[in-house]
Amino acid sequence: MPRQASELSSGIAKQLKTAEKLCSQRGRRLTPIRRKVLEILLRRQRSVKAYELLEEIREFQPGAAPPTVYRALDFLIEEGLIHRLDAVNAWAACMDAAGDPHDILVICTQCGAVAEFSDPELHKKLARKVASAGFVLEHHETELRALCNRCHQQRHSSGQHETPLA
């Protein structure tokens, strides 16, 4: 196995172990199907749609149906192990599940790459702005649609300059 792939596998194994530990500490169980969904998301390192997940799960569990995947996704969201990305109707692994919560997610609308970070001051400012309009933020995460540098460069070099629709 090439070194880079080995390092990736090692990182995924560490993240899965962390997920198992977090679930155990909370009295929850990371079942084989939940673990497999999380592993797929960790391996992909981008946002993944439910039916893409289902196709991969069926390699592991041939009779899997959509509710199987959705129940696993719901569990993983509840445990803070993955993010539901409304902007692109997909899910992505939380790359720092044991760390501080992330309040900003940036999603590439072309390739599905996801960056997660926290900026409490920006989040507070956004919450105040939303409140001044008569609303209350419903979730702790704000999603931003963007193009990653690679997709931006590809688009720029191909002469496309339109904003993608997601």
N, C-alpha and C. Protein backbone atom coordinates (compact mmCIF):
# COMPACT_ATOMS: atom_id res chain seq x y z
N MET A 1 0.84 -1.17 0.00
CA MET A 1 0.00 0.00 0.00
C MET A 1 0.89 1.24 0.00
N PRO A 2 0.65 2.22 -0.90
CA PRO A 2 1.46 3.43 -0.91
C PRO A 2 1.37 4.16 0.43
N ARG A 3 2.39 4.91 0.72
CA ARG A 3 2.45 5.58 2.01
C ARG A 3 1.25 6.49 2.25
N GLN A 4 0.85 7.27 1.26
CA GLN A 4 -0.26 8.19 1.43
C GLN A 4 -1.55 7.42 1.75
N ALA A 5 -1.83 6.33 1.05
CA ALA A 5 -3.01 5.52 1.32
C ALA A 5 -2.94 4.90 2.71
N SER A 6 -1.73 4.49 3.12
CA SER A 6 -1.53 3.92 4.44
C SER A 6 -1.83 4.95 5.52
N GLU A 7 -1.34 6.16 5.31
CA GLU A 7 -1.59 7.23 6.28
C GLU A 7 -3.08 7.54 6.35
N LEU A 8 -3.77 7.54 5.20
CA LEU A 8 -5.20 7.79 5.16
C LEU A 8 -5.93 6.70 5.95
N SER A 9 -5.59 5.43 5.70
CA SER A 9 -6.22 4.32 6.41
C SER A 9 -5.97 4.43 7.91
N SER A 10 -4.76 4.81 8.29
CA SER A 10 -4.43 4.97 9.70
C SER A 10 -5.26 6.08 10.33
N GLY A 11 -5.42 7.18 9.60
CA GLY A 11 -6.23 8.29 10.10
C GLY A 11 -7.69 7.91 10.25
N ILE A 12 -8.21 7.15 9.29
CA ILE A 12 -9.60 6.70 9.35
C ILE A 12 -9.79 5.75 10.52
N ALA A 13 -8.85 4.84 10.70
CA ALA A 13 -8.93 3.89 11.82
C ALA A 13 -8.95 4.65 13.15
N LYS A 14 -8.14 5.69 13.24
CA LYS A 14 -8.10 6.50 14.47
C LYS A 14 -9.44 7.22 14.68
N GLN A 15 -10.00 7.77 13.62
CA GLN A 15 -11.28 8.46 13.74
C GLN A 15 -12.41 7.50 14.10
N LEU A 16 -12.38 6.30 13.54
CA LEU A 16 -13.40 5.30 13.88
C LEU A 16 -13.28 4.88 15.34
N LYS A 17 -12.05 4.75 15.80
CA LYS A 17 -11.83 4.39 17.22
C LYS A 17 -12.35 5.50 18.12
N THR A 18 -12.10 6.75 17.73
CA THR A 18 -12.62 7.89 18.50
C THR A 18 -14.14 7.87 18.52
N ALA A 19 -14.76 7.58 17.38
CA ALA A 19 -16.22 7.52 17.30
C ALA A 19 -16.76 6.43 18.22
N GLU A 20 -16.12 5.26 18.20
CA GLU A 20 -16.56 4.17 19.07
C GLU A 20 -16.44 4.56 20.54
N LYS A 21 -15.36 5.23 20.88
CA LYS A 21 -15.13 5.67 22.26
C LYS A 21 -16.19 6.69 22.68
N LEU A 22 -16.47 7.67 21.81
CA LEU A 22 -17.48 8.68 22.12
C LEU A 22 -18.85 8.05 22.33
N CYS A 23 -19.21 7.13 21.45
CA CYS A 23 -20.50 6.46 21.56
C CYS A 23 -20.57 5.66 22.86
N SER A 24 -19.53 4.93 23.17
CA SER A 24 -19.48 4.13 24.39
C SER A 24 -19.63 5.01 25.63
N GLN A 25 -18.92 6.15 25.66
CA GLN A 25 -19.00 7.07 26.79
C GLN A 25 -20.41 7.61 26.97
N ARG A 26 -21.16 7.70 25.90
CA ARG A 26 -22.53 8.24 25.93
C ARG A 26 -23.58 7.13 26.11
N GLY A 27 -23.12 5.89 26.24
CA GLY A 27 -24.04 4.78 26.39
C GLY A 27 -24.76 4.43 25.09
N ARG A 28 -24.16 4.77 23.97
CA ARG A 28 -24.72 4.49 22.65
C ARG A 28 -23.87 3.44 21.96
N ARG A 29 -24.41 2.83 20.93
CA ARG A 29 -23.68 1.75 20.25
C ARG A 29 -23.43 2.09 18.79
N LEU A 30 -22.19 2.00 18.39
CA LEU A 30 -21.82 2.20 16.98
C LEU A 30 -21.91 0.82 16.32
N THR A 31 -23.11 0.49 15.83
CA THR A 31 -23.35 -0.81 15.22
C THR A 31 -22.51 -0.96 13.95
N PRO A 32 -22.39 -2.17 13.44
CA PRO A 32 -21.60 -2.36 12.21
C PRO A 32 -22.08 -1.50 11.03
N ILE A 33 -23.38 -1.36 10.86
CA ILE A 33 -23.88 -0.55 9.74
C ILE A 33 -23.59 0.93 9.97
N ARG A 34 -23.74 1.42 11.18
CA ARG A 34 -23.42 2.82 11.50
C ARG A 34 -21.93 3.07 11.28
N ARG A 35 -21.12 2.12 11.73
CA ARG A 35 -19.67 2.23 11.57
C ARG A 35 -19.30 2.27 10.09
N LYS A 36 -19.96 1.43 9.30
CA LYS A 36 -19.65 1.36 7.87
C LYS A 36 -20.03 2.66 7.17
N VAL A 37 -21.19 3.22 7.52
CA VAL A 37 -21.59 4.51 6.93
C VAL A 37 -20.56 5.58 7.28
N LEU A 38 -20.16 5.63 8.54
CA LEU A 38 -19.15 6.60 8.96
C LEU A 38 -17.83 6.37 8.23
N GLU A 39 -17.43 5.12 8.10
CA GLU A 39 -16.19 4.81 7.40
C GLU A 39 -16.23 5.28 5.94
N ILE A 40 -17.35 5.05 5.28
CA ILE A 40 -17.49 5.50 3.88
C ILE A 40 -17.33 7.01 3.80
N LEU A 41 -18.00 7.72 4.70
CA LEU A 41 -17.90 9.19 4.69
C LEU A 41 -16.47 9.65 4.99
N LEU A 42 -15.81 8.99 5.89
CA LEU A 42 -14.42 9.34 6.21
C LEU A 42 -13.51 9.08 5.01
N ARG A 43 -13.72 7.96 4.34
CA ARG A 43 -12.89 7.62 3.18
C ARG A 43 -13.11 8.58 2.01
N ARG A 44 -14.34 8.96 1.81
CA ARG A 44 -14.66 9.83 0.67
C ARG A 44 -14.10 11.23 0.86
N GLN A 45 -14.02 11.71 2.08
CA GLN A 45 -13.51 13.05 2.40
C GLN A 45 -14.20 14.14 1.58
N ARG A 46 -15.49 13.97 1.40
CA ARG A 46 -16.31 14.96 0.70
C ARG A 46 -17.76 14.68 1.06
N SER A 47 -18.67 15.48 0.57
CA SER A 47 -20.08 15.21 0.82
C SER A 47 -20.54 14.04 -0.05
N VAL A 48 -21.45 13.27 0.51
CA VAL A 48 -21.95 12.08 -0.18
C VAL A 48 -23.47 12.05 -0.04
N LYS A 49 -24.15 11.76 -1.13
CA LYS A 49 -25.61 11.66 -1.14
C LYS A 49 -26.04 10.30 -0.58
N ALA A 50 -27.26 10.23 -0.08
CA ALA A 50 -27.77 9.02 0.57
C ALA A 50 -27.73 7.81 -0.36
N TYR A 51 -28.11 7.99 -1.62
CA TYR A 51 -28.14 6.83 -2.51
C TYR A 51 -26.74 6.37 -2.91
N GLU A 52 -25.77 7.26 -2.89
CA GLU A 52 -24.38 6.84 -3.09
C GLU A 52 -23.95 5.95 -1.92
N LEU A 53 -24.35 6.38 -0.71
CA LEU A 53 -24.04 5.59 0.48
C LEU A 53 -24.72 4.22 0.39
N LEU A 54 -25.98 4.22 -0.01
CA LEU A 54 -26.72 2.96 -0.11
C LEU A 54 -26.03 1.99 -1.06
N GLU A 55 -25.56 2.48 -2.20
CA GLU A 55 -24.86 1.61 -3.16
C GLU A 55 -23.63 0.96 -2.51
N GLU A 56 -22.87 1.74 -1.76
CA GLU A 56 -21.67 1.18 -1.11
C GLU A 56 -22.04 0.25 0.03
N ILE A 57 -23.09 0.59 0.77
CA ILE A 57 -23.53 -0.26 1.88
C ILE A 57 -23.99 -1.61 1.35
N ARG A 58 -24.61 -1.62 0.18
CA ARG A 58 -25.09 -2.88 -0.40
C ARG A 58 -23.95 -3.83 -0.74
N GLU A 59 -22.74 -3.29 -0.93
CA GLU A 59 -21.59 -4.16 -1.12
C GLU A 59 -21.25 -4.89 0.18
N PHE A 60 -21.53 -4.24 1.29
CA PHE A 60 -21.26 -4.76 2.63
C PHE A 60 -22.47 -5.56 3.15
N GLN A 61 -23.67 -5.06 2.86
CA GLN A 61 -24.93 -5.67 3.31
C GLN A 61 -25.91 -5.65 2.14
N PRO A 62 -25.92 -6.70 1.31
CA PRO A 62 -26.67 -6.71 0.05
C PRO A 62 -28.15 -6.33 0.15
N GLY A 63 -28.83 -6.68 1.22
CA GLY A 63 -30.26 -6.39 1.32
C GLY A 63 -30.59 -5.03 1.90
N ALA A 64 -29.61 -4.18 2.08
CA ALA A 64 -29.85 -2.88 2.72
C ALA A 64 -30.86 -2.05 1.92
N ALA A 65 -31.76 -1.41 2.65
CA ALA A 65 -32.78 -0.55 2.06
C ALA A 65 -32.53 0.88 2.50
N PRO A 66 -33.12 1.86 1.81
CA PRO A 66 -32.90 3.26 2.18
C PRO A 66 -33.11 3.56 3.67
N PRO A 67 -34.16 3.02 4.33
CA PRO A 67 -34.31 3.33 5.76
C PRO A 67 -33.10 2.92 6.60
N THR A 68 -32.42 1.85 6.19
CA THR A 68 -31.22 1.41 6.91
C THR A 68 -30.17 2.51 6.92
N VAL A 69 -29.95 3.11 5.77
CA VAL A 69 -28.95 4.18 5.65
C VAL A 69 -29.42 5.42 6.39
N TYR A 70 -30.68 5.79 6.22
CA TYR A 70 -31.18 7.01 6.87
C TYR A 70 -31.16 6.89 8.39
N ARG A 71 -31.47 5.72 8.93
CA ARG A 71 -31.39 5.53 10.39
C ARG A 71 -29.94 5.68 10.87
N ALA A 72 -29.01 5.11 10.12
CA ALA A 72 -27.60 5.23 10.49
C ALA A 72 -27.16 6.70 10.42
N LEU A 73 -27.58 7.40 9.38
CA LEU A 73 -27.23 8.82 9.24
C LEU A 73 -27.81 9.63 10.40
N ASP A 74 -29.07 9.37 10.75
CA ASP A 74 -29.69 10.09 11.88
C ASP A 74 -28.91 9.87 13.17
N PHE A 75 -28.53 8.64 13.43
CA PHE A 75 -27.75 8.32 14.62
C PHE A 75 -26.42 9.09 14.61
N LEU A 76 -25.71 9.04 13.50
CA LEU A 76 -24.39 9.67 13.39
C LEU A 76 -24.49 11.19 13.54
N ILE A 77 -25.56 11.78 13.06
CA ILE A 77 -25.79 13.23 13.25
C ILE A 77 -26.01 13.52 14.73
N GLU A 78 -26.90 12.74 15.36
CA GLU A 78 -27.19 12.93 16.79
C GLU A 78 -25.93 12.86 17.64
N GLU A 79 -25.02 12.00 17.24
CA GLU A 79 -23.78 11.83 18.00
C GLU A 79 -22.69 12.82 17.61
N GLY A 80 -22.97 13.69 16.65
CA GLY A 80 -22.00 14.71 16.24
C GLY A 80 -20.84 14.14 15.43
N LEU A 81 -21.05 12.99 14.80
CA LEU A 81 -19.98 12.35 14.05
C LEU A 81 -20.00 12.71 12.57
N ILE A 82 -21.13 13.21 12.10
CA ILE A 82 -21.25 13.64 10.71
C ILE A 82 -22.05 14.94 10.65
N HIS A 83 -22.01 15.58 9.50
CA HIS A 83 -22.78 16.79 9.25
C HIS A 83 -23.82 16.53 8.17
N ARG A 84 -25.02 17.04 8.37
CA ARG A 84 -26.05 17.03 7.34
C ARG A 84 -25.87 18.33 6.58
N LEU A 85 -25.64 18.25 5.28
CA LEU A 85 -25.37 19.43 4.46
C LEU A 85 -26.60 19.75 3.61
N ASP A 86 -27.43 20.62 4.14
CA ASP A 86 -28.66 20.98 3.44
C ASP A 86 -28.37 21.66 2.11
N ALA A 87 -27.29 22.40 2.03
CA ALA A 87 -26.96 23.16 0.82
C ALA A 87 -26.80 22.27 -0.40
N VAL A 88 -26.37 21.02 -0.19
CA VAL A 88 -26.15 20.11 -1.32
C VAL A 88 -26.89 18.78 -1.13
N ASN A 89 -27.78 18.72 -0.13
CA ASN A 89 -28.56 17.52 0.14
C ASN A 89 -27.67 16.29 0.26
N ALA A 90 -26.71 16.36 1.16
CA ALA A 90 -25.75 15.27 1.33
C ALA A 90 -25.24 15.27 2.77
N TRP A 91 -24.32 14.36 3.06
CA TRP A 91 -23.72 14.23 4.38
C TRP A 91 -22.22 14.16 4.24
N ALA A 92 -21.51 14.57 5.30
CA ALA A 92 -20.05 14.49 5.33
C ALA A 92 -19.61 14.15 6.74
N ALA A 93 -18.51 13.44 6.85
CA ALA A 93 -17.96 13.09 8.16
C ALA A 93 -17.45 14.35 8.84
N CYS A 94 -17.64 14.41 10.14
CA CYS A 94 -17.01 15.46 10.94
C CYS A 94 -15.57 15.00 11.14
N MET A 95 -14.65 15.81 10.68
CA MET A 95 -13.25 15.40 10.71
C MET A 95 -12.60 15.61 12.07
N ASP A 96 -13.34 16.23 13.01
CA ASP A 96 -12.82 16.45 14.35
C ASP A 96 -13.95 16.24 15.36
N ALA A 97 -14.54 15.05 15.35
CA ALA A 97 -15.71 14.78 16.17
C ALA A 97 -15.46 14.95 17.67
N ALA A 98 -14.26 14.71 18.12
CA ALA A 98 -13.96 14.82 19.55
C ALA A 98 -13.51 16.23 19.93
N GLY A 99 -13.38 17.10 18.95
CA GLY A 99 -12.91 18.46 19.22
C GLY A 99 -14.06 19.43 19.47
N ASP A 100 -13.76 20.69 19.32
CA ASP A 100 -14.77 21.73 19.52
C ASP A 100 -15.82 21.67 18.41
N PRO A 101 -17.05 22.10 18.73
CA PRO A 101 -18.09 22.11 17.70
C PRO A 101 -17.71 23.07 16.57
N HIS A 102 -18.20 22.75 15.38
CA HIS A 102 -17.95 23.60 14.22
C HIS A 102 -19.21 24.40 13.96
N ASP A 103 -19.07 25.69 13.76
CA ASP A 103 -20.27 26.47 13.48
C ASP A 103 -20.32 26.96 12.04
N ILE A 104 -19.28 26.69 11.26
CA ILE A 104 -19.28 27.09 9.85
C ILE A 104 -18.78 25.92 9.01
N LEU A 105 -19.58 25.58 8.00
CA LEU A 105 -19.21 24.53 7.05
C LEU A 105 -19.19 25.16 5.67
N VAL A 106 -18.10 24.96 4.95
CA VAL A 106 -17.98 25.47 3.58
C VAL A 106 -18.01 24.26 2.66
N ILE A 107 -18.94 24.28 1.70
CA ILE A 107 -19.15 23.14 0.83
C ILE A 107 -18.89 23.53 -0.62
N CYS A 108 -18.03 22.79 -1.29
CA CYS A 108 -17.78 23.02 -2.71
C CYS A 108 -18.98 22.47 -3.48
N THR A 109 -19.64 23.33 -4.22
CA THR A 109 -20.84 22.92 -4.95
C THR A 109 -20.51 22.12 -6.20
N GLN A 110 -19.23 22.02 -6.53
CA GLN A 110 -18.85 21.25 -7.72
C GLN A 110 -18.40 19.84 -7.36
N CYS A 111 -17.46 19.70 -6.43
CA CYS A 111 -16.92 18.38 -6.11
C CYS A 111 -17.39 17.82 -4.77
N GLY A 112 -18.02 18.65 -3.94
CA GLY A 112 -18.52 18.19 -2.66
C GLY A 112 -17.54 18.26 -1.52
N ALA A 113 -16.35 18.81 -1.72
CA ALA A 113 -15.38 18.95 -0.63
C ALA A 113 -16.00 19.80 0.48
N VAL A 114 -15.60 19.52 1.71
CA VAL A 114 -16.16 20.23 2.86
C VAL A 114 -15.02 20.70 3.75
N ALA A 115 -15.11 21.95 4.20
CA ALA A 115 -14.19 22.48 5.22
C ALA A 115 -15.04 22.86 6.42
N GLU A 116 -14.55 22.57 7.59
CA GLU A 116 -15.29 22.89 8.80
C GLU A 116 -14.41 23.72 9.71
N PHE A 117 -14.99 24.78 10.26
CA PHE A 117 -14.23 25.58 11.20
C PHE A 117 -15.17 26.32 12.13
N SER A 118 -14.60 26.94 13.11
CA SER A 118 -15.39 27.65 14.10
C SER A 118 -14.92 29.09 14.19
N ASP A 119 -15.87 29.98 14.25
CA ASP A 119 -15.59 31.39 14.45
C ASP A 119 -16.71 31.95 15.32
N PRO A 120 -16.57 31.79 16.65
CA PRO A 120 -17.64 32.19 17.56
C PRO A 120 -18.06 33.66 17.40
N GLU A 121 -17.12 34.54 17.14
CA GLU A 121 -17.48 35.95 16.99
C GLU A 121 -18.33 36.17 15.74
N LEU A 122 -17.95 35.54 14.64
CA LEU A 122 -18.74 35.64 13.42
C LEU A 122 -20.13 35.04 13.63
N HIS A 123 -20.20 33.91 14.31
CA HIS A 123 -21.48 33.27 14.58
C HIS A 123 -22.38 34.17 15.43
N LYS A 124 -21.80 34.81 16.45
CA LYS A 124 -22.58 35.73 17.28
C LYS A 124 -23.08 36.91 16.47
N LYS A 125 -22.22 37.43 15.61
CA LYS A 125 -22.61 38.57 14.77
C LYS A 125 -23.74 38.16 13.82
N LEU A 126 -23.62 36.99 13.24
CA LEU A 126 -24.66 36.49 12.36
C LEU A 126 -25.97 36.30 13.13
N ALA A 127 -25.90 35.74 14.33
CA ALA A 127 -27.10 35.53 15.15
C ALA A 127 -27.77 36.86 15.48
N ARG A 128 -26.97 37.89 15.79
CA ARG A 128 -27.54 39.23 16.07
C ARG A 128 -28.22 39.80 14.83
N LYS A 129 -27.59 39.62 13.68
CA LYS A 129 -28.15 40.12 12.42
C LYS A 129 -29.47 39.42 12.11
N VAL A 130 -29.49 38.12 12.31
CA VAL A 130 -30.70 37.33 12.08
C VAL A 130 -31.79 37.78 13.06
N ALA A 131 -31.41 38.00 14.33
CA ALA A 131 -32.38 38.46 15.33
C ALA A 131 -32.95 39.82 14.98
N SER A 132 -32.12 40.70 14.42
CA SER A 132 -32.61 42.04 14.05
C SER A 132 -33.65 41.97 12.93
N ALA A 133 -33.66 40.84 12.20
CA ALA A 133 -34.66 40.65 11.15
C ALA A 133 -35.88 39.90 11.69
N GLY A 134 -35.88 39.62 13.00
CA GLY A 134 -37.03 38.97 13.61
C GLY A 134 -36.98 37.45 13.57
N PHE A 135 -35.77 36.89 13.46
CA PHE A 135 -35.61 35.44 13.41
C PHE A 135 -34.64 34.99 14.50
N VAL A 136 -34.62 33.69 14.75
CA VAL A 136 -33.67 33.07 15.67
C VAL A 136 -32.99 31.94 14.90
N LEU A 137 -31.66 31.90 14.96
CA LEU A 137 -30.95 30.81 14.29
C LEU A 137 -31.42 29.48 14.87
N GLU A 138 -31.74 28.55 13.99
CA GLU A 138 -32.27 27.26 14.41
C GLU A 138 -31.18 26.22 14.64
N HIS A 139 -30.09 26.31 13.91
CA HIS A 139 -29.01 25.33 14.03
C HIS A 139 -27.73 26.04 14.44
N HIS A 140 -26.81 25.26 14.98
CA HIS A 140 -25.54 25.85 15.38
C HIS A 140 -24.55 25.93 14.23
N GLU A 141 -24.89 25.34 13.08
CA GLU A 141 -23.98 25.37 11.93
C GLU A 141 -24.52 26.25 10.82
N THR A 142 -23.63 27.00 10.21
CA THR A 142 -23.97 27.81 9.05
C THR A 142 -23.23 27.21 7.86
N GLU A 143 -23.97 26.99 6.79
CA GLU A 143 -23.37 26.41 5.58
C GLU A 143 -23.13 27.50 4.55
N LEU A 144 -21.98 27.46 3.95
CA LEU A 144 -21.64 28.38 2.87
C LEU A 144 -21.34 27.57 1.62
N ARG A 145 -21.96 27.95 0.54
CA ARG A 145 -21.69 27.31 -0.75
C ARG A 145 -20.54 28.05 -1.40
N ALA A 146 -19.59 27.29 -1.92
CA ALA A 146 -18.40 27.90 -2.51
C ALA A 146 -17.80 26.92 -3.51
N LEU A 147 -16.71 27.33 -4.11
CA LEU A 147 -15.89 26.43 -4.93
C LEU A 147 -14.56 26.28 -4.23
N CYS A 148 -14.09 25.04 -4.11
CA CYS A 148 -12.75 24.83 -3.56
C CYS A 148 -11.75 25.38 -4.57
N ASN A 149 -10.53 25.57 -4.13
CA ASN A 149 -9.51 26.15 -5.03
C ASN A 149 -9.33 25.33 -6.30
N ARG A 150 -9.32 23.99 -6.16
CA ARG A 150 -9.12 23.14 -7.33
C ARG A 150 -10.25 23.33 -8.35
N CYS A 151 -11.49 23.30 -7.88
CA CYS A 151 -12.63 23.47 -8.80
C CYS A 151 -12.67 24.88 -9.37
N HIS A 152 -12.29 25.85 -8.56
CA HIS A 152 -12.25 27.23 -9.06
C HIS A 152 -11.22 27.36 -10.18
N GLN A 153 -10.04 26.76 -9.97
CA GLN A 153 -9.00 26.80 -11.00
C GLN A 153 -9.46 26.09 -12.27
N GLN A 154 -10.10 24.93 -12.12
CA GLN A 154 -10.61 24.20 -13.29
C GLN A 154 -11.64 25.03 -14.04
N ARG A 155 -12.52 25.64 -13.31
CA ARG A 155 -13.56 26.46 -13.94
C ARG A 155 -12.93 27.66 -14.64
N HIS A 156 -11.97 28.30 -13.96
CA HIS A 156 -11.32 29.47 -14.52
C HIS A 156 -10.55 29.11 -15.79
N SER A 157 -9.83 27.98 -15.75
CA SER A 157 -9.04 27.59 -16.91
C SER A 157 -9.91 27.11 -18.07
N SER A 158 -11.14 26.66 -17.78
CA SER A 158 -12.02 26.22 -18.87
C SER A 158 -12.85 27.37 -19.43
N GLY A 159 -12.72 28.55 -18.82
CA GLY A 159 -13.45 29.72 -19.31
C GLY A 159 -14.83 29.89 -18.75
N GLN A 160 -15.25 28.99 -17.84
CA GLN A 160 -16.56 29.12 -17.21
C GLN A 160 -16.47 30.15 -16.09
N HIS A 161 -17.42 31.04 -16.04
CA HIS A 161 -17.41 32.04 -14.98
C HIS A 161 -18.74 32.18 -14.30
N GLU A 162 -19.71 31.33 -14.67
CA GLU A 162 -21.02 31.42 -14.04
C GLU A 162 -20.96 30.84 -12.63
N THR A 163 -21.88 31.29 -11.80
CA THR A 163 -22.01 30.76 -10.46
C THR A 163 -22.75 29.43 -10.56
N PRO A 164 -22.24 28.36 -9.90
CA PRO A 164 -22.93 27.07 -9.98
C PRO A 164 -24.26 27.10 -9.25
N LEU A 165 -25.17 26.31 -9.70
CA LEU A 165 -26.45 26.16 -9.01
C LEU A 165 -26.40 24.90 -8.20
N ALA A 166 -26.69 25.00 -6.92
CA ALA A 166 -26.67 23.81 -6.06
C ALA A 166 -28.02 23.61 -5.44
